[in-house]
């Protein structure tokens, strides 16, 4: 079965992780702070390793946080009952939700897989 980055997938993810959204924000911000510390104080080899690991450590929690904020069934910003998106025509709402779902899937793929692979290749 193929992986389909659909709004329904991210809605189910958001429903499960919405209560932990602050932890996702904290994890992403902590990874950014550790990356800056490693880049400013660490030897070059350790800084390179920290940079390679920082992509997934920052991108995955951030993408999950965006999924929670955008796709939560009751409180999501891209839901039909939201103030901004809810006023748009139904077809445009669907297009925006699909665009956001595909963007989040690509963002997560690039942050979790492509960036570490490119880091190893550039080694």
PDB file of N, CA and C in Angstrom:
ATOM      1  N   UNK A   1       0.843  -1.186   0.000  1.00  0.00           N
ATOM      2  CA  UNK A   1       0.000   0.000   0.000  1.00  0.00           C
ATOM      3  C   UNK A   1       0.886   1.246   0.000  1.00  0.00           C
ATOM      4  N   UNK A   2       0.585   2.176  -0.846  1.00  0.00           N
ATOM      5  CA  UNK A   2       1.390   3.381  -0.983  1.00  0.00           C
ATOM      6  C   UNK A   2       1.043   4.387   0.115  1.00  0.00           C
ATOM      7  N   UNK A   3       2.022   5.156   0.482  1.00  0.00           N
ATOM      8  CA  UNK A   3       1.826   6.215   1.467  1.00  0.00           C
ATOM      9  C   UNK A   3       1.195   7.401   0.761  1.00  0.00           C
ATOM     10  N   UNK A   4       0.068   7.857   1.253  1.00  0.00           N
ATOM     11  CA  UNK A   4      -0.610   8.999   0.656  1.00  0.00           C
ATOM     12  C   UNK A   4      -0.674  10.106   1.699  1.00  0.00           C
ATOM     13  N   UNK A   5      -0.069  11.220   1.360  1.00  0.00           N
ATOM     14  CA  UNK A   5      -0.090  12.370   2.262  1.00  0.00           C
ATOM     15  C   UNK A   5      -1.399  13.115   2.056  1.00  0.00           C
ATOM     16  N   UNK A   6      -2.416  12.712   2.753  1.00  0.00           N
ATOM     17  CA  UNK A   6      -3.737  13.315   2.581  1.00  0.00           C
ATOM     18  C   UNK A   6      -4.102  14.135   3.819  1.00  0.00           C
ATOM     19  N   UNK A   7      -5.041  15.039   3.677  1.00  0.00           N
ATOM     20  CA  UNK A   7      -5.520  15.758   4.855  1.00  0.00           C
ATOM     21  C   UNK A   7      -6.092  14.820   5.927  1.00  0.00           C
ATOM     22  N   UNK A   8      -6.691  13.712   5.503  1.00  0.00           N
ATOM     23  CA  UNK A   8      -7.232  12.761   6.485  1.00  0.00           C
ATOM     24  C   UNK A   8      -6.121  12.134   7.322  1.00  0.00           C
ATOM     25  N   UNK A   9      -4.988  11.842   6.700  1.00  0.00           N
ATOM     26  CA  UNK A   9      -3.847  11.292   7.437  1.00  0.00           C
ATOM     27  C   UNK A   9      -3.367  12.286   8.490  1.00  0.00           C
ATOM     28  N   UNK A  10      -3.190  13.535   8.088  1.00  0.00           N
ATOM     29  CA  UNK A  10      -2.702  14.526   9.035  1.00  0.00           C
ATOM     30  C   UNK A  10      -3.756  14.898  10.075  1.00  0.00           C
ATOM     31  N   UNK A  11      -5.029  14.761   9.748  1.00  0.00           N
ATOM     32  CA  UNK A  11      -6.077  14.980  10.740  1.00  0.00           C
ATOM     33  C   UNK A  11      -6.011  13.919  11.828  1.00  0.00           C
ATOM     34  N   UNK A  12      -5.779  12.668  11.437  1.00  0.00           N
ATOM     35  CA  UNK A  12      -5.661  11.616  12.457  1.00  0.00           C
ATOM     36  C   UNK A  12      -4.398  11.793  13.289  1.00  0.00           C
ATOM     37  N   UNK A  13      -3.316  12.234  12.667  1.00  0.00           N
ATOM     38  CA  UNK A  13      -2.085  12.510  13.420  1.00  0.00           C
ATOM     39  C   UNK A  13      -2.326  13.664  14.389  1.00  0.00           C
ATOM     40  N   UNK A  14      -2.982  14.711  13.917  1.00  0.00           N
ATOM     41  CA  UNK A  14      -3.248  15.876  14.764  1.00  0.00           C
ATOM     42  C   UNK A  14      -4.156  15.528  15.935  1.00  0.00           C
ATOM     43  N   UNK A  15      -5.113  14.669  15.675  1.00  0.00           N
ATOM     44  CA  UNK A  15      -6.031  14.269  16.748  1.00  0.00           C
ATOM     45  C   UNK A  15      -5.291  13.533  17.863  1.00  0.00           C
ATOM     46  N   UNK A  16      -4.323  12.709  17.477  1.00  0.00           N
ATOM     47  CA  UNK A  16      -3.561  11.956  18.481  1.00  0.00           C
ATOM     48  C   UNK A  16      -2.527  12.817  19.198  1.00  0.00           C
ATOM     49  N   UNK A  17      -1.919  13.783  18.512  1.00  0.00           N
ATOM     50  CA  UNK A  17      -0.794  14.528  19.085  1.00  0.00           C
ATOM     51  C   UNK A  17      -1.143  15.932  19.564  1.00  0.00           C
ATOM     52  N   UNK A  18      -2.381  16.360  19.429  1.00  0.00           N
ATOM     53  CA  UNK A  18      -2.726  17.740  19.773  1.00  0.00           C
ATOM     54  C   UNK A  18      -2.422  18.061  21.234  1.00  0.00           C
ATOM     55  N   UNK A  19      -2.647  17.133  22.123  1.00  0.00           N
ATOM     56  CA  UNK A  19      -2.369  17.377  23.546  1.00  0.00           C
ATOM     57  C   UNK A  19      -0.871  17.537  23.809  1.00  0.00           C
ATOM     58  N   UNK A  20      -0.041  17.037  22.911  1.00  0.00           N
ATOM     59  CA  UNK A  20       1.413  17.120  23.077  1.00  0.00           C
ATOM     60  C   UNK A  20       2.051  18.189  22.193  1.00  0.00           C
ATOM     61  N   UNK A  21       1.267  19.111  21.695  1.00  0.00           N
ATOM     62  CA  UNK A  21       1.805  20.094  20.758  1.00  0.00           C
ATOM     63  C   UNK A  21       2.871  20.979  21.376  1.00  0.00           C
ATOM     64  N   UNK A  22       2.760  21.285  22.663  1.00  0.00           N
ATOM     65  CA  UNK A  22       3.777  22.107  23.315  1.00  0.00           C
ATOM     66  C   UNK A  22       5.081  21.336  23.464  1.00  0.00           C
ATOM     67  N   UNK A  23       5.003  20.022  23.650  1.00  0.00           N
ATOM     68  CA  UNK A  23       6.210  19.202  23.709  1.00  0.00           C
ATOM     69  C   UNK A  23       6.896  19.170  22.342  1.00  0.00           C
ATOM     70  N   UNK A  24       6.125  19.141  21.281  1.00  0.00           N
ATOM     71  CA  UNK A  24       6.701  19.169  19.941  1.00  0.00           C
ATOM     72  C   UNK A  24       7.412  20.495  19.688  1.00  0.00           C
ATOM     73  N   UNK A  25       6.802  21.588  20.104  1.00  0.00           N
ATOM     74  CA  UNK A  25       7.452  22.890  19.979  1.00  0.00           C
ATOM     75  C   UNK A  25       8.738  22.930  20.793  1.00  0.00           C
ATOM     76  N   UNK A  26       8.680  22.440  22.023  1.00  0.00           N
ATOM     77  CA  UNK A  26       9.868  22.415  22.874  1.00  0.00           C
ATOM     78  C   UNK A  26      10.981  21.555  22.297  1.00  0.00           C
ATOM     79  N   UNK A  27      10.630  20.411  21.736  1.00  0.00           N
ATOM     80  CA  UNK A  27      11.642  19.533  21.147  1.00  0.00           C
ATOM     81  C   UNK A  27      12.316  20.195  19.959  1.00  0.00           C
ATOM     82  N   UNK A  28      11.545  20.853  19.148  1.00  0.00           N
ATOM     83  CA  UNK A  28      12.118  21.528  17.987  1.00  0.00           C
ATOM     84  C   UNK A  28      12.998  22.706  18.396  1.00  0.00           C
ATOM     85  N   UNK A  29      12.539  23.505  19.342  1.00  0.00           N
ATOM     86  CA  UNK A  29      13.338  24.640  19.810  1.00  0.00           C
ATOM     87  C   UNK A  29      14.599  24.182  20.541  1.00  0.00           C
ATOM     88  N   UNK A  30      14.505  23.098  21.304  1.00  0.00           N
ATOM     89  CA  UNK A  30      15.678  22.552  21.959  1.00  0.00           C
ATOM     90  C   UNK A  30      16.704  22.079  20.942  1.00  0.00           C
ATOM     91  N   UNK A  31      16.250  21.449  19.874  1.00  0.00           N
ATOM     92  CA  UNK A  31      17.168  21.001  18.826  1.00  0.00           C
ATOM     93  C   UNK A  31      17.851  22.183  18.144  1.00  0.00           C
ATOM     94  N   UNK A  32      17.118  23.273  17.934  1.00  0.00           N
ATOM     95  CA  UNK A  32      17.716  24.477  17.346  1.00  0.00           C
ATOM     96  C   UNK A  32      18.769  25.057  18.288  1.00  0.00           C
ATOM     97  N   UNK A  33      18.457  25.127  19.582  1.00  0.00           N
ATOM     98  CA  UNK A  33      19.415  25.662  20.560  1.00  0.00           C
ATOM     99  C   UNK A  33      20.663  24.783  20.646  1.00  0.00           C
ATOM    100  N   UNK A  34      20.481  23.481  20.654  1.00  0.00           N
ATOM    101  CA  UNK A  34      21.636  22.582  20.693  1.00  0.00           C
ATOM    102  C   UNK A  34      22.464  22.685  19.421  1.00  0.00           C
ATOM    103  N   UNK A  35      21.823  22.884  18.300  1.00  0.00           N
ATOM    104  CA  UNK A  35      22.556  23.056  17.049  1.00  0.00           C
ATOM    105  C   UNK A  35      23.400  24.326  17.096  1.00  0.00           C
ATOM    106  N   UNK A  36      22.817  25.429  17.549  1.00  0.00           N
ATOM    107  CA  UNK A  36      23.587  26.663  17.659  1.00  0.00           C
ATOM    108  C   UNK A  36      24.743  26.513  18.638  1.00  0.00           C
ATOM    109  N   UNK A  37      24.528  25.828  19.748  1.00  0.00           N
ATOM    110  CA  UNK A  37      25.605  25.598  20.704  1.00  0.00           C
ATOM    111  C   UNK A  37      26.705  24.740  20.093  1.00  0.00           C
ATOM    112  N   UNK A  38      26.317  23.711  19.364  1.00  0.00           N
ATOM    113  CA  UNK A  38      27.315  22.832  18.736  1.00  0.00           C
ATOM    114  C   UNK A  38      28.091  23.567  17.656  1.00  0.00           C
ATOM    115  N   UNK A  39      27.422  24.410  16.903  1.00  0.00           N
ATOM    116  CA  UNK A  39      28.121  25.135  15.845  1.00  0.00           C
ATOM    117  C   UNK A  39      29.055  26.203  16.386  1.00  0.00           C
ATOM    118  N   UNK A  40      28.724  26.772  17.526  1.00  0.00           N
ATOM    119  CA  UNK A  40      29.555  27.852  18.053  1.00  0.00           C
ATOM    120  C   UNK A  40      30.671  27.362  18.965  1.00  0.00           C
ATOM    121  N   UNK A  41      30.509  26.221  19.614  1.00  0.00           N
ATOM    122  CA  UNK A  41      31.499  25.819  20.607  1.00  0.00           C
ATOM    123  C   UNK A  41      32.183  24.491  20.327  1.00  0.00           C
ATOM    124  N   UNK A  42      31.686  23.718  19.418  1.00  0.00           N
ATOM    125  CA  UNK A  42      32.204  22.367  19.223  1.00  0.00           C
ATOM    126  C   UNK A  42      33.287  22.343  18.151  1.00  0.00           C
ATOM    127  N   UNK A  43      34.130  21.304  18.189  1.00  0.00           N
ATOM    128  CA  UNK A  43      35.092  21.115  17.107  1.00  0.00           C
ATOM    129  C   UNK A  43      34.357  20.835  15.784  1.00  0.00           C
ATOM    130  N   UNK A  44      35.007  21.056  14.651  1.00  0.00           N
ATOM    131  CA  UNK A  44      34.323  20.925  13.353  1.00  0.00           C
ATOM    132  C   UNK A  44      33.686  19.557  13.107  1.00  0.00           C
ATOM    133  N   UNK A  45      34.324  18.460  13.539  1.00  0.00           N
ATOM    134  CA  UNK A  45      33.740  17.144  13.292  1.00  0.00           C
ATOM    135  C   UNK A  45      32.453  16.952  14.088  1.00  0.00           C
ATOM    136  N   UNK A  46      32.429  17.406  15.319  1.00  0.00           N
ATOM    137  CA  UNK A  46      31.226  17.294  16.119  1.00  0.00           C
ATOM    138  C   UNK A  46      30.133  18.217  15.589  1.00  0.00           C
ATOM    139  N   UNK A  47      30.536  19.405  15.133  1.00  0.00           N
ATOM    140  CA  UNK A  47      29.559  20.339  14.581  1.00  0.00           C
ATOM    141  C   UNK A  47      28.921  19.763  13.326  1.00  0.00           C
ATOM    142  N   UNK A  48      29.713  19.051  12.512  1.00  0.00           N
ATOM    143  CA  UNK A  48      29.150  18.419  11.322  1.00  0.00           C
ATOM    144  C   UNK A  48      28.155  17.336  11.705  1.00  0.00           C
ATOM    145  N   UNK A  49      28.486  16.524  12.701  1.00  0.00           N
ATOM    146  CA  UNK A  49      27.580  15.483  13.166  1.00  0.00           C
ATOM    147  C   UNK A  49      26.297  16.100  13.737  1.00  0.00           C
ATOM    148  N   UNK A  50      26.456  17.172  14.487  1.00  0.00           N
ATOM    149  CA  UNK A  50      25.279  17.848  15.051  1.00  0.00           C
ATOM    150  C   UNK A  50      24.390  18.409  13.949  1.00  0.00           C
ATOM    151  N   UNK A  51      24.999  18.942  12.899  1.00  0.00           N
ATOM    152  CA  UNK A  51      24.228  19.467  11.774  1.00  0.00           C
ATOM    153  C   UNK A  51      23.479  18.356  11.064  1.00  0.00           C
ATOM    154  N   UNK A  52      24.117  17.208  10.911  1.00  0.00           N
ATOM    155  CA  UNK A  52      23.485  16.077  10.242  1.00  0.00           C
ATOM    156  C   UNK A  52      22.282  15.563  11.045  1.00  0.00           C
ATOM    157  N   UNK A  53      22.402  15.544  12.355  1.00  0.00           N
ATOM    158  CA  UNK A  53      21.318  15.062  13.205  1.00  0.00           C
ATOM    159  C   UNK A  53      20.242  16.122  13.455  1.00  0.00           C
ATOM    160  N   UNK A  54      20.608  17.378  13.244  1.00  0.00           N
ATOM    161  CA  UNK A  54      19.672  18.462  13.544  1.00  0.00           C
ATOM    162  C   UNK A  54      18.496  18.509  12.565  1.00  0.00           C
ATOM    163  N   UNK A  55      18.708  18.089  11.337  1.00  0.00           N
ATOM    164  CA  UNK A  55      17.619  18.115  10.355  1.00  0.00           C
ATOM    165  C   UNK A  55      16.407  17.344  10.835  1.00  0.00           C
ATOM    166  N   UNK A  56      16.571  16.050  11.145  1.00  0.00           N
ATOM    167  CA  UNK A  56      15.414  15.310  11.655  1.00  0.00           C
ATOM    168  C   UNK A  56      14.928  15.809  13.016  1.00  0.00           C
ATOM    169  N   UNK A  57      15.855  16.225  13.875  1.00  0.00           N
ATOM    170  CA  UNK A  57      15.466  16.650  15.224  1.00  0.00           C
ATOM    171  C   UNK A  57      14.664  17.947  15.213  1.00  0.00           C
ATOM    172  N   UNK A  58      14.852  18.753  14.189  1.00  0.00           N
ATOM    173  CA  UNK A  58      14.101  20.007  14.082  1.00  0.00           C
ATOM    174  C   UNK A  58      12.864  19.820  13.206  1.00  0.00           C
ATOM    175  N   UNK A  59      13.041  19.202  12.052  1.00  0.00           N
ATOM    176  CA  UNK A  59      11.970  19.153  11.049  1.00  0.00           C
ATOM    177  C   UNK A  59      10.796  18.260  11.440  1.00  0.00           C
ATOM    178  N   UNK A  60      11.069  17.103  12.014  1.00  0.00           N
ATOM    179  CA  UNK A  60       9.975  16.170  12.314  1.00  0.00           C
ATOM    180  C   UNK A  60       9.052  16.721  13.407  1.00  0.00           C
ATOM    181  N   UNK A  61       9.574  17.188  14.560  1.00  0.00           N
ATOM    182  CA  UNK A  61       8.634  17.765  15.544  1.00  0.00           C
ATOM    183  C   UNK A  61       7.930  19.022  15.020  1.00  0.00           C
ATOM    184  N   UNK A  62       8.634  19.807  14.206  1.00  0.00           N
ATOM    185  CA  UNK A  62       8.010  21.020  13.678  1.00  0.00           C
ATOM    186  C   UNK A  62       6.881  20.670  12.706  1.00  0.00           C
ATOM    187  N   UNK A  63       7.095  19.675  11.854  1.00  0.00           N
ATOM    188  CA  UNK A  63       6.041  19.251  10.928  1.00  0.00           C
ATOM    189  C   UNK A  63       4.844  18.678  11.682  1.00  0.00           C
ATOM    190  N   UNK A  64       5.103  17.916  12.733  1.00  0.00           N
ATOM    191  CA  UNK A  64       4.007  17.364  13.527  1.00  0.00           C
ATOM    192  C   UNK A  64       3.255  18.479  14.262  1.00  0.00           C
ATOM    193  N   UNK A  65       3.984  19.495  14.724  1.00  0.00           N
ATOM    194  CA  UNK A  65       3.348  20.651  15.356  1.00  0.00           C
ATOM    195  C   UNK A  65       2.459  21.381  14.347  1.00  0.00           C
ATOM    196  N   UNK A  66       2.959  21.580  13.133  1.00  0.00           N
ATOM    197  CA  UNK A  66       2.142  22.222  12.095  1.00  0.00           C
ATOM    198  C   UNK A  66       0.907  21.387  11.786  1.00  0.00           C
ATOM    199  N   UNK A  67       1.061  20.067  11.751  1.00  0.00           N
ATOM    200  CA  UNK A  67      -0.094  19.200  11.514  1.00  0.00           C
ATOM    201  C   UNK A  67      -1.123  19.370  12.624  1.00  0.00           C
ATOM    202  N   UNK A  68      -0.660  19.456  13.874  1.00  0.00           N
ATOM    203  CA  UNK A  68      -1.593  19.645  14.997  1.00  0.00           C
ATOM    204  C   UNK A  68      -2.331  20.974  14.901  1.00  0.00           C
ATOM    205  N   UNK A  69      -1.621  22.022  14.536  1.00  0.00           N
ATOM    206  CA  UNK A  69      -2.224  23.347  14.479  1.00  0.00           C
ATOM    207  C   UNK A  69      -3.139  23.491  13.263  1.00  0.00           C
ATOM    208  N   UNK A  70      -2.756  22.909  12.150  1.00  0.00           N
ATOM    209  CA  UNK A  70      -3.524  23.083  10.918  1.00  0.00           C
ATOM    210  C   UNK A  70      -4.689  22.109  10.784  1.00  0.00           C
ATOM    211  N   UNK A  71      -4.494  20.847  11.205  1.00  0.00           N
ATOM    212  CA  UNK A  71      -5.439  19.801  10.837  1.00  0.00           C
ATOM    213  C   UNK A  71      -6.268  19.238  11.985  1.00  0.00           C
ATOM    214  N   UNK A  72      -6.160  19.757  13.196  1.00  0.00           N
ATOM    215  CA  UNK A  72      -6.961  19.214  14.294  1.00  0.00           C
ATOM    216  C   UNK A  72      -8.452  19.348  13.940  1.00  0.00           C
ATOM    217  N   UNK A  73      -9.244  18.286  14.184  1.00  0.00           N
ATOM    218  CA  UNK A  73     -10.646  18.308  13.743  1.00  0.00           C
ATOM    219  C   UNK A  73     -11.488  19.452  14.305  1.00  0.00           C
ATOM    220  N   UNK A  74     -11.276  19.851  15.557  1.00  0.00           N
ATOM    221  CA  UNK A  74     -12.094  20.918  16.136  1.00  0.00           C
ATOM    222  C   UNK A  74     -11.378  22.264  16.152  1.00  0.00           C
ATOM    223  N   UNK A  75     -10.070  22.273  16.347  1.00  0.00           N
ATOM    224  CA  UNK A  75      -9.365  23.531  16.562  1.00  0.00           C
ATOM    225  C   UNK A  75      -8.376  23.871  15.459  1.00  0.00           C
ATOM    226  N   UNK A  76      -8.347  23.103  14.395  1.00  0.00           N
ATOM    227  CA  UNK A  76      -7.377  23.322  13.334  1.00  0.00           C
ATOM    228  C   UNK A  76      -7.657  24.581  12.514  1.00  0.00           C
ATOM    229  N   UNK A  77      -6.587  25.262  12.123  1.00  0.00           N
ATOM    230  CA  UNK A  77      -6.720  26.485  11.349  1.00  0.00           C
ATOM    231  C   UNK A  77      -7.190  26.237   9.914  1.00  0.00           C
ATOM    232  N   UNK A  78      -7.038  25.022   9.427  1.00  0.00           N
ATOM    233  CA  UNK A  78      -7.464  24.711   8.056  1.00  0.00           C
ATOM    234  C   UNK A  78      -8.762  23.926   8.008  1.00  0.00           C
ATOM    235  N   UNK A  79      -9.475  23.868   9.091  1.00  0.00           N
ATOM    236  CA  UNK A  79     -10.751  23.157   9.137  1.00  0.00           C
ATOM    237  C   UNK A  79     -11.876  24.057   8.612  1.00  0.00           C
ATOM    238  N   UNK A  80     -12.957  23.459   8.124  1.00  0.00           N
ATOM    239  CA  UNK A  80     -14.066  24.269   7.585  1.00  0.00           C
ATOM    240  C   UNK A  80     -14.692  25.237   8.596  1.00  0.00           C
ATOM    241  N   UNK A  81     -14.609  24.950   9.882  1.00  0.00           N
ATOM    242  CA  UNK A  81     -15.210  25.847  10.876  1.00  0.00           C
ATOM    243  C   UNK A  81     -14.241  26.926  11.367  1.00  0.00           C
ATOM    244  N   UNK A  82     -13.032  26.994  10.826  1.00  0.00           N
ATOM    245  CA  UNK A  82     -12.092  28.032  11.262  1.00  0.00           C
ATOM    246  C   UNK A  82     -12.516  29.392  10.711  1.00  0.00           C
ATOM    247  N   UNK A  83     -12.023  30.443  11.330  1.00  0.00           N
ATOM    248  CA  UNK A  83     -12.443  31.792  10.953  1.00  0.00           C
ATOM    249  C   UNK A  83     -12.009  32.174   9.543  1.00  0.00           C
ATOM    250  N   UNK A  84     -10.778  31.882   9.193  1.00  0.00           N
ATOM    251  CA  UNK A  84     -10.265  32.322   7.902  1.00  0.00           C
ATOM    252  C   UNK A  84     -10.639  31.363   6.776  1.00  0.00           C
ATOM    253  N   UNK A  85     -10.274  30.108   6.915  1.00  0.00           N
ATOM    254  CA  UNK A  85     -10.506  29.136   5.851  1.00  0.00           C
ATOM    255  C   UNK A  85     -11.986  28.793   5.731  1.00  0.00           C
ATOM    256  N   UNK A  86     -12.730  28.843   6.810  1.00  0.00           N
ATOM    257  CA  UNK A  86     -14.135  28.507   6.779  1.00  0.00           C
ATOM    258  C   UNK A  86     -14.987  29.439   5.931  1.00  0.00           C
ATOM    259  N   UNK A  87     -14.500  30.625   5.675  1.00  0.00           N
ATOM    260  CA  UNK A  87     -15.240  31.589   4.863  1.00  0.00           C
ATOM    261  C   UNK A  87     -15.000  31.414   3.365  1.00  0.00           C
ATOM    262  N   UNK A  88     -14.024  30.621   3.015  1.00  0.00           N
ATOM    263  CA  UNK A  88     -13.688  30.413   1.606  1.00  0.00           C
ATOM    264  C   UNK A  88     -14.620  29.381   0.981  1.00  0.00           C
ATOM    265  N   UNK A  89     -14.725  29.376  -0.331  1.00  0.00           N
ATOM    266  CA  UNK A  89     -15.528  28.337  -0.993  1.00  0.00           C
ATOM    267  C   UNK A  89     -14.980  26.942  -0.687  1.00  0.00           C
ATOM    268  N   UNK A  90     -15.871  25.968  -0.686  1.00  0.00           N
ATOM    269  CA  UNK A  90     -15.523  24.601  -0.292  1.00  0.00           C
ATOM    270  C   UNK A  90     -14.386  24.029  -1.146  1.00  0.00           C
ATOM    271  N   UNK A  91     -14.399  24.293  -2.449  1.00  0.00           N
ATOM    272  CA  UNK A  91     -13.352  23.785  -3.333  1.00  0.00           C
ATOM    273  C   UNK A  91     -11.994  24.381  -2.981  1.00  0.00           C
ATOM    274  N   UNK A  92     -11.969  25.657  -2.671  1.00  0.00           N
ATOM    275  CA  UNK A  92     -10.722  26.316  -2.282  1.00  0.00           C
ATOM    276  C   UNK A  92     -10.220  25.786  -0.936  1.00  0.00           C
ATOM    277  N   UNK A  93     -11.125  25.530  -0.001  1.00  0.00           N
ATOM    278  CA  UNK A  93     -10.742  24.925   1.290  1.00  0.00           C
ATOM    279  C   UNK A  93     -10.070  23.579   1.070  1.00  0.00           C
ATOM    280  N   UNK A  94     -10.659  22.765   0.207  1.00  0.00           N
ATOM    281  CA  UNK A  94     -10.096  21.451  -0.079  1.00  0.00           C
ATOM    282  C   UNK A  94      -8.721  21.580  -0.714  1.00  0.00           C
ATOM    283  N   UNK A  95      -8.579  22.503  -1.640  1.00  0.00           N
ATOM    284  CA  UNK A  95      -7.278  22.724  -2.281  1.00  0.00           C
ATOM    285  C   UNK A  95      -6.217  23.165  -1.290  1.00  0.00           C
ATOM    286  N   UNK A  96      -6.575  24.052  -0.393  1.00  0.00           N
ATOM    287  CA  UNK A  96      -5.618  24.526   0.617  1.00  0.00           C
ATOM    288  C   UNK A  96      -5.213  23.390   1.549  1.00  0.00           C
ATOM    289  N   UNK A  97      -6.176  22.578   1.952  1.00  0.00           N
ATOM    290  CA  UNK A  97      -5.859  21.453   2.847  1.00  0.00           C
ATOM    291  C   UNK A  97      -4.950  20.436   2.158  1.00  0.00           C
ATOM    292  N   UNK A  98      -5.211  20.132   0.893  1.00  0.00           N
ATOM    293  CA  UNK A  98      -4.352  19.196   0.168  1.00  0.00           C
ATOM    294  C   UNK A  98      -2.958  19.783  -0.040  1.00  0.00           C
ATOM    295  N   UNK A  99      -2.874  21.064  -0.370  1.00  0.00           N
ATOM    296  CA  UNK A  99      -1.583  21.714  -0.547  1.00  0.00           C
ATOM    297  C   UNK A  99      -0.779  21.646   0.746  1.00  0.00           C
ATOM    298  N   UNK A 100      -1.422  21.928   1.866  1.00  0.00           N
ATOM    299  CA  UNK A 100      -0.735  21.877   3.156  1.00  0.00           C
ATOM    300  C   UNK A 100      -0.307  20.454   3.498  1.00  0.00           C
ATOM    301  N   UNK A 101      -1.123  19.467   3.184  1.00  0.00           N
ATOM    302  CA  UNK A 101      -0.779  18.074   3.476  1.00  0.00           C
ATOM    303  C   UNK A 101       0.424  17.625   2.657  1.00  0.00           C
ATOM    304  N   UNK A 102       0.430  17.959   1.370  1.00  0.00           N
ATOM    305  CA  UNK A 102       1.569  17.579   0.521  1.00  0.00           C
ATOM    306  C   UNK A 102       2.819  18.330   0.969  1.00  0.00           C
ATOM    307  N   UNK A 103       2.677  19.621   1.304  1.00  0.00           N
ATOM    308  CA  UNK A 103       3.820  20.385   1.798  1.00  0.00           C
ATOM    309  C   UNK A 103       4.400  19.763   3.066  1.00  0.00           C
ATOM    310  N   UNK A 104       3.548  19.410   4.019  1.00  0.00           N
ATOM    311  CA  UNK A 104       4.038  18.814   5.264  1.00  0.00           C
ATOM    312  C   UNK A 104       4.743  17.484   5.011  1.00  0.00           C
ATOM    313  N   UNK A 105       4.201  16.676   4.121  1.00  0.00           N
ATOM    314  CA  UNK A 105       4.841  15.399   3.812  1.00  0.00           C
ATOM    315  C   UNK A 105       6.212  15.617   3.176  1.00  0.00           C
ATOM    316  N   UNK A 106       6.312  16.545   2.239  1.00  0.00           N
ATOM    317  CA  UNK A 106       7.606  16.833   1.612  1.00  0.00           C
ATOM    318  C   UNK A 106       8.584  17.459   2.602  1.00  0.00           C
ATOM    319  N   UNK A 107       8.085  18.339   3.450  1.00  0.00           N
ATOM    320  CA  UNK A 107       8.937  18.960   4.463  1.00  0.00           C
ATOM    321  C   UNK A 107       9.508  17.905   5.412  1.00  0.00           C
ATOM    322  N   UNK A 108       8.658  16.978   5.824  1.00  0.00           N
ATOM    323  CA  UNK A 108       9.109  15.924   6.730  1.00  0.00           C
ATOM    324  C   UNK A 108      10.098  14.985   6.021  1.00  0.00           C
ATOM    325  N   UNK A 109       9.809  14.659   4.776  1.00  0.00           N
ATOM    326  CA  UNK A 109      10.704  13.799   4.007  1.00  0.00           C
ATOM    327  C   UNK A 109      12.066  14.457   3.817  1.00  0.00           C
ATOM    328  N   UNK A 110      12.069  15.713   3.461  1.00  0.00           N
ATOM    329  CA  UNK A 110      13.342  16.419   3.260  1.00  0.00           C
ATOM    330  C   UNK A 110      14.110  16.565   4.568  1.00  0.00           C
ATOM    331  N   UNK A 111      13.429  16.892   5.640  1.00  0.00           N
ATOM    332  CA  UNK A 111      14.112  17.078   6.912  1.00  0.00           C
ATOM    333  C   UNK A 111      14.598  15.789   7.538  1.00  0.00           C
ATOM    334  N   UNK A 112      13.826  14.711   7.380  1.00  0.00           N
ATOM    335  CA  UNK A 112      14.162  13.457   8.051  1.00  0.00           C
ATOM    336  C   UNK A 112      15.056  12.553   7.208  1.00  0.00           C
ATOM    337  N   UNK A 113      14.972  12.642   5.879  1.00  0.00           N
ATOM    338  CA  UNK A 113      15.707  11.704   5.031  1.00  0.00           C
ATOM    339  C   UNK A 113      16.718  12.417   4.136  1.00  0.00           C
ATOM    340  N   UNK A 114      16.263  13.401   3.389  1.00  0.00           N
ATOM    341  CA  UNK A 114      17.122  14.017   2.379  1.00  0.00           C
ATOM    342  C   UNK A 114      18.287  14.771   3.005  1.00  0.00           C
ATOM    343  N   UNK A 115      18.044  15.581   4.019  1.00  0.00           N
ATOM    344  CA  UNK A 115      19.124  16.346   4.643  1.00  0.00           C
ATOM    345  C   UNK A 115      20.214  15.455   5.242  1.00  0.00           C
ATOM    346  N   UNK A 116      19.886  14.410   6.013  1.00  0.00           N
ATOM    347  CA  UNK A 116      20.960  13.539   6.505  1.00  0.00           C
ATOM    348  C   UNK A 116      21.701  12.803   5.382  1.00  0.00           C
ATOM    349  N   UNK A 117      20.983  12.378   4.352  1.00  0.00           N
ATOM    350  CA  UNK A 117      21.651  11.692   3.236  1.00  0.00           C
ATOM    351  C   UNK A 117      22.592  12.645   2.515  1.00  0.00           C
ATOM    352  N   UNK A 118      22.142  13.860   2.268  1.00  0.00           N
ATOM    353  CA  UNK A 118      23.015  14.839   1.631  1.00  0.00           C
ATOM    354  C   UNK A 118      24.211  15.179   2.509  1.00  0.00           C
ATOM    355  N   UNK A 119      24.020  15.210   3.811  1.00  0.00           N
ATOM    356  CA  UNK A 119      25.127  15.486   4.720  1.00  0.00           C
ATOM    357  C   UNK A 119      26.190  14.392   4.621  1.00  0.00           C
ATOM    358  N   UNK A 120      25.754  13.142   4.528  1.00  0.00           N
ATOM    359  CA  UNK A 120      26.708  12.038   4.413  1.00  0.00           C
ATOM    360  C   UNK A 120      27.409  12.091   3.055  1.00  0.00           C
ATOM    361  N   UNK A 121      26.666  12.408   2.002  1.00  0.00           N
ATOM    362  CA  UNK A 121      27.247  12.478   0.670  1.00  0.00           C
ATOM    363  C   UNK A 121      28.274  13.612   0.588  1.00  0.00           C
ATOM    364  N   UNK A 122      27.999  14.720   1.247  1.00  0.00           N
ATOM    365  CA  UNK A 122      28.919  15.857   1.225  1.00  0.00           C
ATOM    366  C   UNK A 122      30.120  15.656   2.126  1.00  0.00           C
ATOM    367  N   UNK A 123      30.143  14.607   2.891  1.00  0.00           N
ATOM    368  CA  UNK A 123      31.243  14.326   3.805  1.00  0.00           C
ATOM    369  C   UNK A 123      32.477  14.139   3.067  1.00  0.00           C
TER     370      UNK A 123
END
